[in-house]
């Protein structure tokens, strides 16, 4: 328990330090669109470094919870191999305890919807605590929890961007754009997919394809991707077999797959919301 207590104390200390950062930071005056372009590049580099650390933290947590090769895990002749299904529960419990004791628990909508809400209704103002919550998800993912890095890295990138923008006294419009840049940079760095990050930010986070939003988002995504590929290598996040389409009839299964995925996603979201509502009074 001692390392956990020390870790939670460090989180509290870091939060106190961030609160002590001056609300306004004087920077060299850069006028016009150039200001946002420069900030977006610097932000992309910073989010790229954070994303590399986030991926490394996931790998470290995975090695901590699963010290043996997963393919050989059930070949180990020990009784505790039958309790492996409890490991994700332990990881989730550890994450919950740190969030509770560190007082970084989210309220209302959380995750990517929280980012969208802040960009749409709050002028792009996000709490830096969201970034800590995203980092903690590395424990859940590393322990085998049913989660992926895409939501957390959007939280981390957007909250970091909003925090920096507020300290630089940017306007509400600029904060919104910067939050989208942070989201694009996070997706681009974690998955090595700058185009994916760009279109995700423009379509989902910002909900606009205006000319003045395109360039900063592209610069952030490319800068983050360059950092990640320089440190982690140029290999793709997923190995996908290359297929071919011989006729229009070969496209029919893909169309059916899309319809099935859409129906399944709607059902999953509905079930998740109902389950969340049913346990909201347990806290």
C-alpha atoms as a PDB file:
ATOM      1  CA  UNK A   1       0.000   0.000   0.000  1.00  0.00           C
ATOM      2  CA  UNK A   2       2.913   2.370   0.642  1.00  0.00           C
ATOM      3  CA  UNK A   3       3.808   2.866  -3.075  1.00  0.00           C
ATOM      4  CA  UNK A   4       0.137   3.527  -3.844  1.00  0.00           C
ATOM      5  CA  UNK A   5      -0.103   6.125  -1.077  1.00  0.00           C
ATOM      6  CA  UNK A   6       3.108   7.785  -2.267  1.00  0.00           C
ATOM      7  CA  UNK A   7       1.782   7.823  -5.837  1.00  0.00           C
ATOM      8  CA  UNK A   8      -1.497   9.438  -4.786  1.00  0.00           C
ATOM      9  CA  UNK A   9       0.374  12.048  -2.734  1.00  0.00           C
ATOM     10  CA  UNK A  10       2.438  12.889  -5.805  1.00  0.00           C
ATOM     11  CA  UNK A  11      -0.722  13.336  -7.853  1.00  0.00           C
ATOM     12  CA  UNK A  12      -2.096  15.733  -5.244  1.00  0.00           C
ATOM     13  CA  UNK A  13       1.214  17.642  -5.152  1.00  0.00           C
ATOM     14  CA  UNK A  14       1.230  17.924  -8.951  1.00  0.00           C
ATOM     15  CA  UNK A  15      -2.330  19.216  -8.977  1.00  0.00           C
ATOM     16  CA  UNK A  16      -1.439  21.848  -6.363  1.00  0.00           C
ATOM     17  CA  UNK A  17       1.569  22.891  -8.459  1.00  0.00           C
ATOM     18  CA  UNK A  18      -0.541  23.224 -11.592  1.00  0.00           C
ATOM     19  CA  UNK A  19      -3.009  25.393  -9.710  1.00  0.00           C
ATOM     20  CA  UNK A  20      -0.132  27.639  -8.631  1.00  0.00           C
ATOM     21  CA  UNK A  21       0.894  28.274 -12.243  1.00  0.00           C
ATOM     22  CA  UNK A  22       0.019  31.885 -13.024  1.00  0.00           C
ATOM     23  CA  UNK A  23      -3.345  32.265 -14.699  1.00  0.00           C
ATOM     24  CA  UNK A  24      -1.731  34.449 -17.315  1.00  0.00           C
ATOM     25  CA  UNK A  25       1.584  33.934 -19.033  1.00  0.00           C
ATOM     26  CA  UNK A  26       3.257  36.715 -20.970  1.00  0.00           C
ATOM     27  CA  UNK A  27       4.680  35.464 -24.255  1.00  0.00           C
ATOM     28  CA  UNK A  28       6.271  37.299 -27.181  1.00  0.00           C
ATOM     29  CA  UNK A  29       3.457  38.938 -29.127  1.00  0.00           C
ATOM     30  CA  UNK A  30       2.765  37.102 -32.361  1.00  0.00           C
ATOM     31  CA  UNK A  31      -0.112  38.590 -34.312  1.00  0.00           C
ATOM     32  CA  UNK A  32      -2.464  37.113 -36.860  1.00  0.00           C
ATOM     33  CA  UNK A  33      -2.909  33.478 -37.860  1.00  0.00           C
ATOM     34  CA  UNK A  34       0.809  32.850 -37.366  1.00  0.00           C
ATOM     35  CA  UNK A  35       0.306  32.769 -33.597  1.00  0.00           C
ATOM     36  CA  UNK A  36      -2.003  29.758 -33.696  1.00  0.00           C
ATOM     37  CA  UNK A  37       0.175  27.978 -36.239  1.00  0.00           C
ATOM     38  CA  UNK A  38       3.227  28.280 -33.989  1.00  0.00           C
ATOM     39  CA  UNK A  39       1.276  27.198 -30.910  1.00  0.00           C
ATOM     40  CA  UNK A  40      -0.225  24.233 -32.763  1.00  0.00           C
ATOM     41  CA  UNK A  41       3.217  22.936 -33.757  1.00  0.00           C
ATOM     42  CA  UNK A  42       4.587  23.254 -30.214  1.00  0.00           C
ATOM     43  CA  UNK A  43       1.440  21.617 -28.866  1.00  0.00           C
ATOM     44  CA  UNK A  44       1.791  18.744 -31.314  1.00  0.00           C
ATOM     45  CA  UNK A  45       5.361  18.110 -30.215  1.00  0.00           C
ATOM     46  CA  UNK A  46       4.351  18.162 -26.534  1.00  0.00           C
ATOM     47  CA  UNK A  47       1.337  15.875 -27.003  1.00  0.00           C
ATOM     48  CA  UNK A  48       3.501  13.535 -29.073  1.00  0.00           C
ATOM     49  CA  UNK A  49       5.926  13.162 -26.171  1.00  0.00           C
ATOM     50  CA  UNK A  50       3.079  12.632 -23.703  1.00  0.00           C
ATOM     51  CA  UNK A  51       1.512  10.036 -26.008  1.00  0.00           C
ATOM     52  CA  UNK A  52       4.787   8.118 -26.188  1.00  0.00           C
ATOM     53  CA  UNK A  53       4.944   8.131 -22.393  1.00  0.00           C
ATOM     54  CA  UNK A  54       1.311   7.004 -22.230  1.00  0.00           C
ATOM     55  CA  UNK A  55       1.953   4.051 -24.535  1.00  0.00           C
ATOM     56  CA  UNK A  56       5.064   3.134 -22.560  1.00  0.00           C
ATOM     57  CA  UNK A  57       3.042   3.279 -19.336  1.00  0.00           C
ATOM     58  CA  UNK A  58       0.468   0.891 -20.815  1.00  0.00           C
ATOM     59  CA  UNK A  59       3.221  -1.555 -21.784  1.00  0.00           C
ATOM     60  CA  UNK A  60       4.769  -1.303 -18.314  1.00  0.00           C
ATOM     61  CA  UNK A  61       1.427  -1.925 -16.588  1.00  0.00           C
ATOM     62  CA  UNK A  62       0.769  -4.865 -18.883  1.00  0.00           C
ATOM     63  CA  UNK A  63       4.105  -6.399 -17.931  1.00  0.00           C
ATOM     64  CA  UNK A  64       3.342  -5.791 -14.265  1.00  0.00           C
ATOM     65  CA  UNK A  65      -0.058  -7.498 -14.357  1.00  0.00           C
ATOM     66  CA  UNK A  66       0.932 -10.198 -16.861  1.00  0.00           C
ATOM     67  CA  UNK A  67       4.595 -11.073 -16.225  1.00  0.00           C
ATOM     68  CA  UNK A  68       4.310 -14.201 -18.395  1.00  0.00           C
ATOM     69  CA  UNK A  69       3.677 -14.527 -22.104  1.00  0.00           C
ATOM     70  CA  UNK A  70      -0.136 -14.516 -22.535  1.00  0.00           C
ATOM     71  CA  UNK A  71       0.078 -17.500 -24.885  1.00  0.00           C
ATOM     72  CA  UNK A  72       1.912 -19.502 -22.210  1.00  0.00           C
ATOM     73  CA  UNK A  73      -0.108 -18.249 -19.252  1.00  0.00           C
ATOM     74  CA  UNK A  74      -2.497 -21.198 -19.066  1.00  0.00           C
ATOM     75  CA  UNK A  75       0.342 -23.682 -19.464  1.00  0.00           C
ATOM     76  CA  UNK A  76       1.823 -22.665 -16.119  1.00  0.00           C
ATOM     77  CA  UNK A  77       1.320 -25.486 -13.657  1.00  0.00           C
ATOM     78  CA  UNK A  78       0.184 -23.354 -10.732  1.00  0.00           C
ATOM     79  CA  UNK A  79      -3.206 -22.949  -9.120  1.00  0.00           C
ATOM     80  CA  UNK A  80      -3.371 -19.175  -9.495  1.00  0.00           C
ATOM     81  CA  UNK A  81      -3.513 -19.409 -13.278  1.00  0.00           C
ATOM     82  CA  UNK A  82      -7.246 -20.066 -12.855  1.00  0.00           C
ATOM     83  CA  UNK A  83      -7.678 -16.647 -11.224  1.00  0.00           C
ATOM     84  CA  UNK A  84      -6.328 -14.703 -14.192  1.00  0.00           C
ATOM     85  CA  UNK A  85      -9.818 -13.380 -14.952  1.00  0.00           C
ATOM     86  CA  UNK A  86      -9.596 -11.332 -11.731  1.00  0.00           C
ATOM     87  CA  UNK A  87      -6.635  -9.280 -12.978  1.00  0.00           C
ATOM     88  CA  UNK A  88      -8.736  -6.737 -14.949  1.00  0.00           C
ATOM     89  CA  UNK A  89     -10.943  -6.295 -11.874  1.00  0.00           C
ATOM     90  CA  UNK A  90      -7.871  -5.593  -9.735  1.00  0.00           C
ATOM     91  CA  UNK A  91      -6.638  -3.039 -12.262  1.00  0.00           C
ATOM     92  CA  UNK A  92     -10.014  -1.309 -12.349  1.00  0.00           C
ATOM     93  CA  UNK A  93     -10.181  -1.266  -8.556  1.00  0.00           C
ATOM     94  CA  UNK A  94      -6.704   0.262  -8.306  1.00  0.00           C
ATOM     95  CA  UNK A  95      -7.667   2.963 -10.806  1.00  0.00           C
ATOM     96  CA  UNK A  96     -10.857   3.745  -8.901  1.00  0.00           C
ATOM     97  CA  UNK A  97      -9.033   4.025  -5.579  1.00  0.00           C
ATOM     98  CA  UNK A  98      -6.439   6.438  -6.975  1.00  0.00           C
ATOM     99  CA  UNK A  99      -9.138   8.562  -8.629  1.00  0.00           C
ATOM    100  CA  UNK A 100     -11.154   8.643  -5.425  1.00  0.00           C
ATOM    101  CA  UNK A 101      -8.262   9.456  -3.091  1.00  0.00           C
ATOM    102  CA  UNK A 102      -6.631  11.813  -5.566  1.00  0.00           C
ATOM    103  CA  UNK A 103      -9.960  13.636  -6.015  1.00  0.00           C
ATOM    104  CA  UNK A 104      -9.809  13.529  -9.796  1.00  0.00           C
ATOM    105  CA  UNK A 105     -13.123  11.789 -10.256  1.00  0.00           C
ATOM    106  CA  UNK A 106     -15.147  13.035 -13.190  1.00  0.00           C
ATOM    107  CA  UNK A 107     -18.676  14.399 -12.915  1.00  0.00           C
ATOM    108  CA  UNK A 108     -21.455  14.162 -15.479  1.00  0.00           C
ATOM    109  CA  UNK A 109     -20.418  13.059 -18.940  1.00  0.00           C
ATOM    110  CA  UNK A 110     -16.857  11.805 -19.204  1.00  0.00           C
ATOM    111  CA  UNK A 111     -14.393  10.793 -21.880  1.00  0.00           C
ATOM    112  CA  UNK A 112     -14.682  12.045 -25.455  1.00  0.00           C
ATOM    113  CA  UNK A 113     -18.276  13.306 -24.881  1.00  0.00           C
ATOM    114  CA  UNK A 114     -16.893  15.535 -22.129  1.00  0.00           C
ATOM    115  CA  UNK A 115     -14.389  17.008 -24.588  1.00  0.00           C
ATOM    116  CA  UNK A 116     -17.128  17.569 -27.174  1.00  0.00           C
ATOM    117  CA  UNK A 117     -19.335  19.238 -24.556  1.00  0.00           C
ATOM    118  CA  UNK A 118     -16.517  21.549 -23.460  1.00  0.00           C
ATOM    119  CA  UNK A 119     -15.696  22.530 -27.038  1.00  0.00           C
ATOM    120  CA  UNK A 120     -19.340  23.087 -27.999  1.00  0.00           C
ATOM    121  CA  UNK A 121     -20.728  24.707 -24.846  1.00  0.00           C
ATOM    122  CA  UNK A 122     -17.830  25.897 -22.671  1.00  0.00           C
ATOM    123  CA  UNK A 123     -15.561  27.670 -25.105  1.00  0.00           C
ATOM    124  CA  UNK A 124     -12.992  24.886 -25.088  1.00  0.00           C
ATOM    125  CA  UNK A 125     -12.279  25.168 -21.354  1.00  0.00           C
ATOM    126  CA  UNK A 126     -11.228  21.798 -19.949  1.00  0.00           C
ATOM    127  CA  UNK A 127      -9.969  20.885 -16.491  1.00  0.00           C
ATOM    128  CA  UNK A 128      -6.405  19.575 -16.412  1.00  0.00           C
ATOM    129  CA  UNK A 129      -7.668  16.831 -14.068  1.00  0.00           C
ATOM    130  CA  UNK A 130      -9.116  15.184 -17.168  1.00  0.00           C
ATOM    131  CA  UNK A 131      -5.560  14.579 -18.353  1.00  0.00           C
ATOM    132  CA  UNK A 132      -4.654  12.796 -15.116  1.00  0.00           C
ATOM    133  CA  UNK A 133      -7.771  10.671 -15.450  1.00  0.00           C
ATOM    134  CA  UNK A 134      -6.677   9.730 -18.961  1.00  0.00           C
ATOM    135  CA  UNK A 135      -3.210   8.760 -17.758  1.00  0.00           C
ATOM    136  CA  UNK A 136      -4.704   6.556 -15.041  1.00  0.00           C
ATOM    137  CA  UNK A 137      -6.553   4.582 -17.695  1.00  0.00           C
ATOM    138  CA  UNK A 138      -3.175   3.050 -18.586  1.00  0.00           C
ATOM    139  CA  UNK A 139      -3.631   0.851 -15.507  1.00  0.00           C
ATOM    140  CA  UNK A 140      -7.032  -0.328 -16.735  1.00  0.00           C
ATOM    141  CA  UNK A 141      -5.775  -0.998 -20.249  1.00  0.00           C
ATOM    142  CA  UNK A 142      -2.554  -2.637 -19.067  1.00  0.00           C
ATOM    143  CA  UNK A 143      -4.442  -4.958 -16.728  1.00  0.00           C
ATOM    144  CA  UNK A 144      -6.607  -6.251 -19.560  1.00  0.00           C
ATOM    145  CA  UNK A 145      -9.638  -4.050 -19.015  1.00  0.00           C
ATOM    146  CA  UNK A 146     -12.147  -3.595 -21.805  1.00  0.00           C
ATOM    147  CA  UNK A 147     -10.845  -0.220 -22.914  1.00  0.00           C
ATOM    148  CA  UNK A 148      -8.588   1.287 -25.529  1.00  0.00           C
ATOM    149  CA  UNK A 149      -6.166   4.221 -25.688  1.00  0.00           C
ATOM    150  CA  UNK A 150      -8.188   6.363 -28.092  1.00  0.00           C
ATOM    151  CA  UNK A 151     -10.535   7.930 -25.517  1.00  0.00           C
ATOM    152  CA  UNK A 152      -7.863   8.619 -22.884  1.00  0.00           C
ATOM    153  CA  UNK A 153      -5.409  10.149 -25.352  1.00  0.00           C
ATOM    154  CA  UNK A 154      -8.120  12.505 -26.611  1.00  0.00           C
ATOM    155  CA  UNK A 155      -8.744  13.546 -23.003  1.00  0.00           C
ATOM    156  CA  UNK A 156      -5.022  14.005 -22.371  1.00  0.00           C
ATOM    157  CA  UNK A 157      -4.315  15.942 -25.562  1.00  0.00           C
ATOM    158  CA  UNK A 158      -7.372  18.195 -25.352  1.00  0.00           C
ATOM    159  CA  UNK A 159      -6.986  19.002 -21.653  1.00  0.00           C
ATOM    160  CA  UNK A 160      -3.282  19.775 -22.083  1.00  0.00           C
ATOM    161  CA  UNK A 161      -4.084  22.034 -25.037  1.00  0.00           C
ATOM    162  CA  UNK A 162      -6.855  23.821 -23.146  1.00  0.00           C
ATOM    163  CA  UNK A 163      -4.641  24.279 -20.082  1.00  0.00           C
ATOM    164  CA  UNK A 164      -1.887  25.832 -22.204  1.00  0.00           C
ATOM    165  CA  UNK A 165      -4.341  28.004 -24.117  1.00  0.00           C
ATOM    166  CA  UNK A 166      -5.907  29.398 -20.957  1.00  0.00           C
ATOM    167  CA  UNK A 167      -2.448  30.275 -19.607  1.00  0.00           C
ATOM    168  CA  UNK A 168      -1.674  32.036 -22.890  1.00  0.00           C
ATOM    169  CA  UNK A 169      -4.898  34.075 -22.612  1.00  0.00           C
ATOM    170  CA  UNK A 170      -6.357  32.790 -25.866  1.00  0.00           C
ATOM    171  CA  UNK A 171      -9.902  33.635 -26.853  1.00  0.00           C
ATOM    172  CA  UNK A 172     -12.780  31.165 -26.693  1.00  0.00           C
ATOM    173  CA  UNK A 173     -12.596  30.493 -30.436  1.00  0.00           C
ATOM    174  CA  UNK A 174      -8.864  29.852 -30.201  1.00  0.00           C
ATOM    175  CA  UNK A 175      -9.319  27.579 -27.167  1.00  0.00           C
ATOM    176  CA  UNK A 176     -11.877  25.494 -29.059  1.00  0.00           C
ATOM    177  CA  UNK A 177      -9.504  25.124 -31.972  1.00  0.00           C
ATOM    178  CA  UNK A 178      -6.577  24.292 -29.711  1.00  0.00           C
ATOM    179  CA  UNK A 179      -8.591  21.556 -27.976  1.00  0.00           C
ATOM    180  CA  UNK A 180      -9.233  20.032 -31.391  1.00  0.00           C
ATOM    181  CA  UNK A 181      -5.520  20.261 -32.180  1.00  0.00           C
ATOM    182  CA  UNK A 182      -4.724  18.381 -28.960  1.00  0.00           C
ATOM    183  CA  UNK A 183      -7.195  15.630 -29.830  1.00  0.00           C
ATOM    184  CA  UNK A 184      -5.790  15.287 -33.349  1.00  0.00           C
ATOM    185  CA  UNK A 185      -2.231  15.163 -32.031  1.00  0.00           C
ATOM    186  CA  UNK A 186      -3.107  12.465 -29.499  1.00  0.00           C
ATOM    187  CA  UNK A 187      -4.784  10.162 -32.029  1.00  0.00           C
ATOM    188  CA  UNK A 188      -2.004  10.749 -34.559  1.00  0.00           C
ATOM    189  CA  UNK A 189       0.731   9.895 -32.052  1.00  0.00           C
ATOM    190  CA  UNK A 190      -0.849   6.835 -30.421  1.00  0.00           C
ATOM    191  CA  UNK A 191      -1.925   5.152 -33.653  1.00  0.00           C
ATOM    192  CA  UNK A 192       0.662   6.603 -36.017  1.00  0.00           C
ATOM    193  CA  UNK A 193      -2.233   7.924 -38.099  1.00  0.00           C
ATOM    194  CA  UNK A 194      -2.066  11.689 -38.674  1.00  0.00           C
ATOM    195  CA  UNK A 195      -4.907  11.618 -41.214  1.00  0.00           C
ATOM    196  CA  UNK A 196      -7.091   9.734 -38.762  1.00  0.00           C
ATOM    197  CA  UNK A 197      -6.349  12.295 -36.060  1.00  0.00           C
ATOM    198  CA  UNK A 198      -7.040  15.206 -38.402  1.00  0.00           C
ATOM    199  CA  UNK A 199     -10.445  13.999 -39.580  1.00  0.00           C
ATOM    200  CA  UNK A 200     -11.428  12.839 -36.094  1.00  0.00           C
ATOM    201  CA  UNK A 201     -10.771  16.304 -34.685  1.00  0.00           C
ATOM    202  CA  UNK A 202     -12.431  18.174 -37.543  1.00  0.00           C
ATOM    203  CA  UNK A 203     -15.539  15.996 -37.737  1.00  0.00           C
ATOM    204  CA  UNK A 204     -16.092  14.831 -34.141  1.00  0.00           C
ATOM    205  CA  UNK A 205     -14.491  17.424 -31.853  1.00  0.00           C
ATOM    206  CA  UNK A 206     -14.819  20.663 -33.823  1.00  0.00           C
ATOM    207  CA  UNK A 207     -17.662  19.676 -36.187  1.00  0.00           C
ATOM    208  CA  UNK A 208     -16.388  21.981 -38.903  1.00  0.00           C
ATOM    209  CA  UNK A 209     -14.074  21.876 -41.917  1.00  0.00           C
ATOM    210  CA  UNK A 210     -13.376  25.601 -42.198  1.00  0.00           C
ATOM    211  CA  UNK A 211     -10.126  26.768 -43.750  1.00  0.00           C
ATOM    212  CA  UNK A 212      -8.957  28.550 -40.588  1.00  0.00           C
ATOM    213  CA  UNK A 213      -9.264  25.320 -38.552  1.00  0.00           C
ATOM    214  CA  UNK A 214      -7.638  22.974 -41.040  1.00  0.00           C
ATOM    215  CA  UNK A 215      -4.022  24.194 -40.977  1.00  0.00           C
ATOM    216  CA  UNK A 216      -3.486  24.221 -37.164  1.00  0.00           C
ATOM    217  CA  UNK A 217      -5.061  20.772 -36.786  1.00  0.00           C
ATOM    218  CA  UNK A 218      -2.878  19.362 -39.561  1.00  0.00           C
ATOM    219  CA  UNK A 219       0.292  20.867 -38.087  1.00  0.00           C
ATOM    220  CA  UNK A 220      -0.436  19.471 -34.614  1.00  0.00           C
ATOM    221  CA  UNK A 221      -1.223  15.993 -35.933  1.00  0.00           C
ATOM    222  CA  UNK A 222       1.856  15.846 -38.155  1.00  0.00           C
ATOM    223  CA  UNK A 223       4.176  17.166 -35.428  1.00  0.00           C
ATOM    224  CA  UNK A 224       2.874  14.615 -32.913  1.00  0.00           C
ATOM    225  CA  UNK A 225       3.153  11.800 -35.442  1.00  0.00           C
ATOM    226  CA  UNK A 226       6.754  12.728 -36.248  1.00  0.00           C
ATOM    227  CA  UNK A 227       7.677  12.650 -32.552  1.00  0.00           C
ATOM    228  CA  UNK A 228       5.971   9.296 -31.981  1.00  0.00           C
ATOM    229  CA  UNK A 229       7.487   7.656 -35.047  1.00  0.00           C
ATOM    230  CA  UNK A 230      10.927   8.986 -34.198  1.00  0.00           C
ATOM    231  CA  UNK A 231      10.786   7.427 -30.722  1.00  0.00           C
ATOM    232  CA  UNK A 232       8.663   4.315 -31.291  1.00  0.00           C
ATOM    233  CA  UNK A 233       9.490   3.384 -34.869  1.00  0.00           C
ATOM    234  CA  UNK A 234       7.561   3.527 -38.114  1.00  0.00           C
ATOM    235  CA  UNK A 235       5.668   0.248 -37.818  1.00  0.00           C
ATOM    236  CA  UNK A 236       1.858   0.403 -38.133  1.00  0.00           C
ATOM    237  CA  UNK A 237      -0.298   0.089 -35.025  1.00  0.00           C
ATOM    238  CA  UNK A 238      -2.258  -2.752 -36.644  1.00  0.00           C
ATOM    239  CA  UNK A 239      -1.142  -5.363 -39.154  1.00  0.00           C
ATOM    240  CA  UNK A 240      -3.901  -5.694 -41.759  1.00  0.00           C
ATOM    241  CA  UNK A 241      -3.889  -8.186 -44.614  1.00  0.00           C
ATOM    242  CA  UNK A 242      -4.159  -6.599 -48.055  1.00  0.00           C
ATOM    243  CA  UNK A 243      -7.260  -7.749 -49.929  1.00  0.00           C
ATOM    244  CA  UNK A 244      -8.671  -7.189 -53.379  1.00  0.00           C
ATOM    245  CA  UNK A 245     -12.110  -6.556 -54.844  1.00  0.00           C
ATOM    246  CA  UNK A 246     -12.903  -8.499 -58.000  1.00  0.00           C
ATOM    247  CA  UNK A 247     -16.422  -7.225 -58.633  1.00  0.00           C
ATOM    248  CA  UNK A 248     -19.149  -5.065 -57.150  1.00  0.00           C
ATOM    249  CA  UNK A 249     -20.648  -8.143 -55.495  1.00  0.00           C
ATOM    250  CA  UNK A 250     -17.503  -8.404 -53.364  1.00  0.00           C
ATOM    251  CA  UNK A 251     -18.466  -5.094 -51.748  1.00  0.00           C
ATOM    252  CA  UNK A 252     -21.756  -6.453 -50.401  1.00  0.00           C
ATOM    253  CA  UNK A 253     -20.212  -8.111 -47.292  1.00  0.00           C
ATOM    254  CA  UNK A 254     -18.511  -4.817 -46.411  1.00  0.00           C
ATOM    255  CA  UNK A 255     -21.820  -2.969 -46.638  1.00  0.00           C
ATOM    256  CA  UNK A 256     -23.478  -5.568 -44.410  1.00  0.00           C
ATOM    257  CA  UNK A 257     -20.563  -5.280 -41.985  1.00  0.00           C
ATOM    258  CA  UNK A 258     -21.063  -1.519 -41.802  1.00  0.00           C
ATOM    259  CA  UNK A 259     -24.785  -1.863 -41.092  1.00  0.00           C
ATOM    260  CA  UNK A 260     -24.125  -4.517 -38.442  1.00  0.00           C
ATOM    261  CA  UNK A 261     -21.453  -2.362 -36.801  1.00  0.00           C
ATOM    262  CA  UNK A 262     -23.806   0.619 -36.708  1.00  0.00           C
ATOM    263  CA  UNK A 263     -26.641  -1.353 -35.121  1.00  0.00           C
ATOM    264  CA  UNK A 264     -24.268  -3.029 -32.672  1.00  0.00           C
ATOM    265  CA  UNK A 265     -22.705   0.305 -31.694  1.00  0.00           C
ATOM    266  CA  UNK A 266     -26.097   1.871 -31.009  1.00  0.00           C
ATOM    267  CA  UNK A 267     -27.072  -1.098 -28.855  1.00  0.00           C
ATOM    268  CA  UNK A 268     -23.778  -1.006 -26.973  1.00  0.00           C
ATOM    269  CA  UNK A 269     -24.055   2.716 -26.232  1.00  0.00           C
ATOM    270  CA  UNK A 270     -27.634   2.311 -25.028  1.00  0.00           C
ATOM    271  CA  UNK A 271     -26.715  -0.622 -22.769  1.00  0.00           C
ATOM    272  CA  UNK A 272     -23.715   1.267 -21.383  1.00  0.00           C
ATOM    273  CA  UNK A 273     -25.808   4.327 -20.552  1.00  0.00           C
ATOM    274  CA  UNK A 274     -28.455   2.230 -18.817  1.00  0.00           C
ATOM    275  CA  UNK A 275     -25.808   0.416 -16.799  1.00  0.00           C
ATOM    276  CA  UNK A 276     -24.116   3.674 -15.831  1.00  0.00           C
ATOM    277  CA  UNK A 277     -27.443   5.087 -14.652  1.00  0.00           C
ATOM    278  CA  UNK A 278     -28.173   1.963 -12.603  1.00  0.00           C
ATOM    279  CA  UNK A 279     -24.909   2.184 -10.620  1.00  0.00           C
ATOM    280  CA  UNK A 280     -24.654   5.979 -10.329  1.00  0.00           C
ATOM    281  CA  UNK A 281     -26.126   5.856  -6.821  1.00  0.00           C
ATOM    282  CA  UNK A 282     -23.446   3.457  -5.539  1.00  0.00           C
ATOM    283  CA  UNK A 283     -20.826   6.184  -5.098  1.00  0.00           C
END
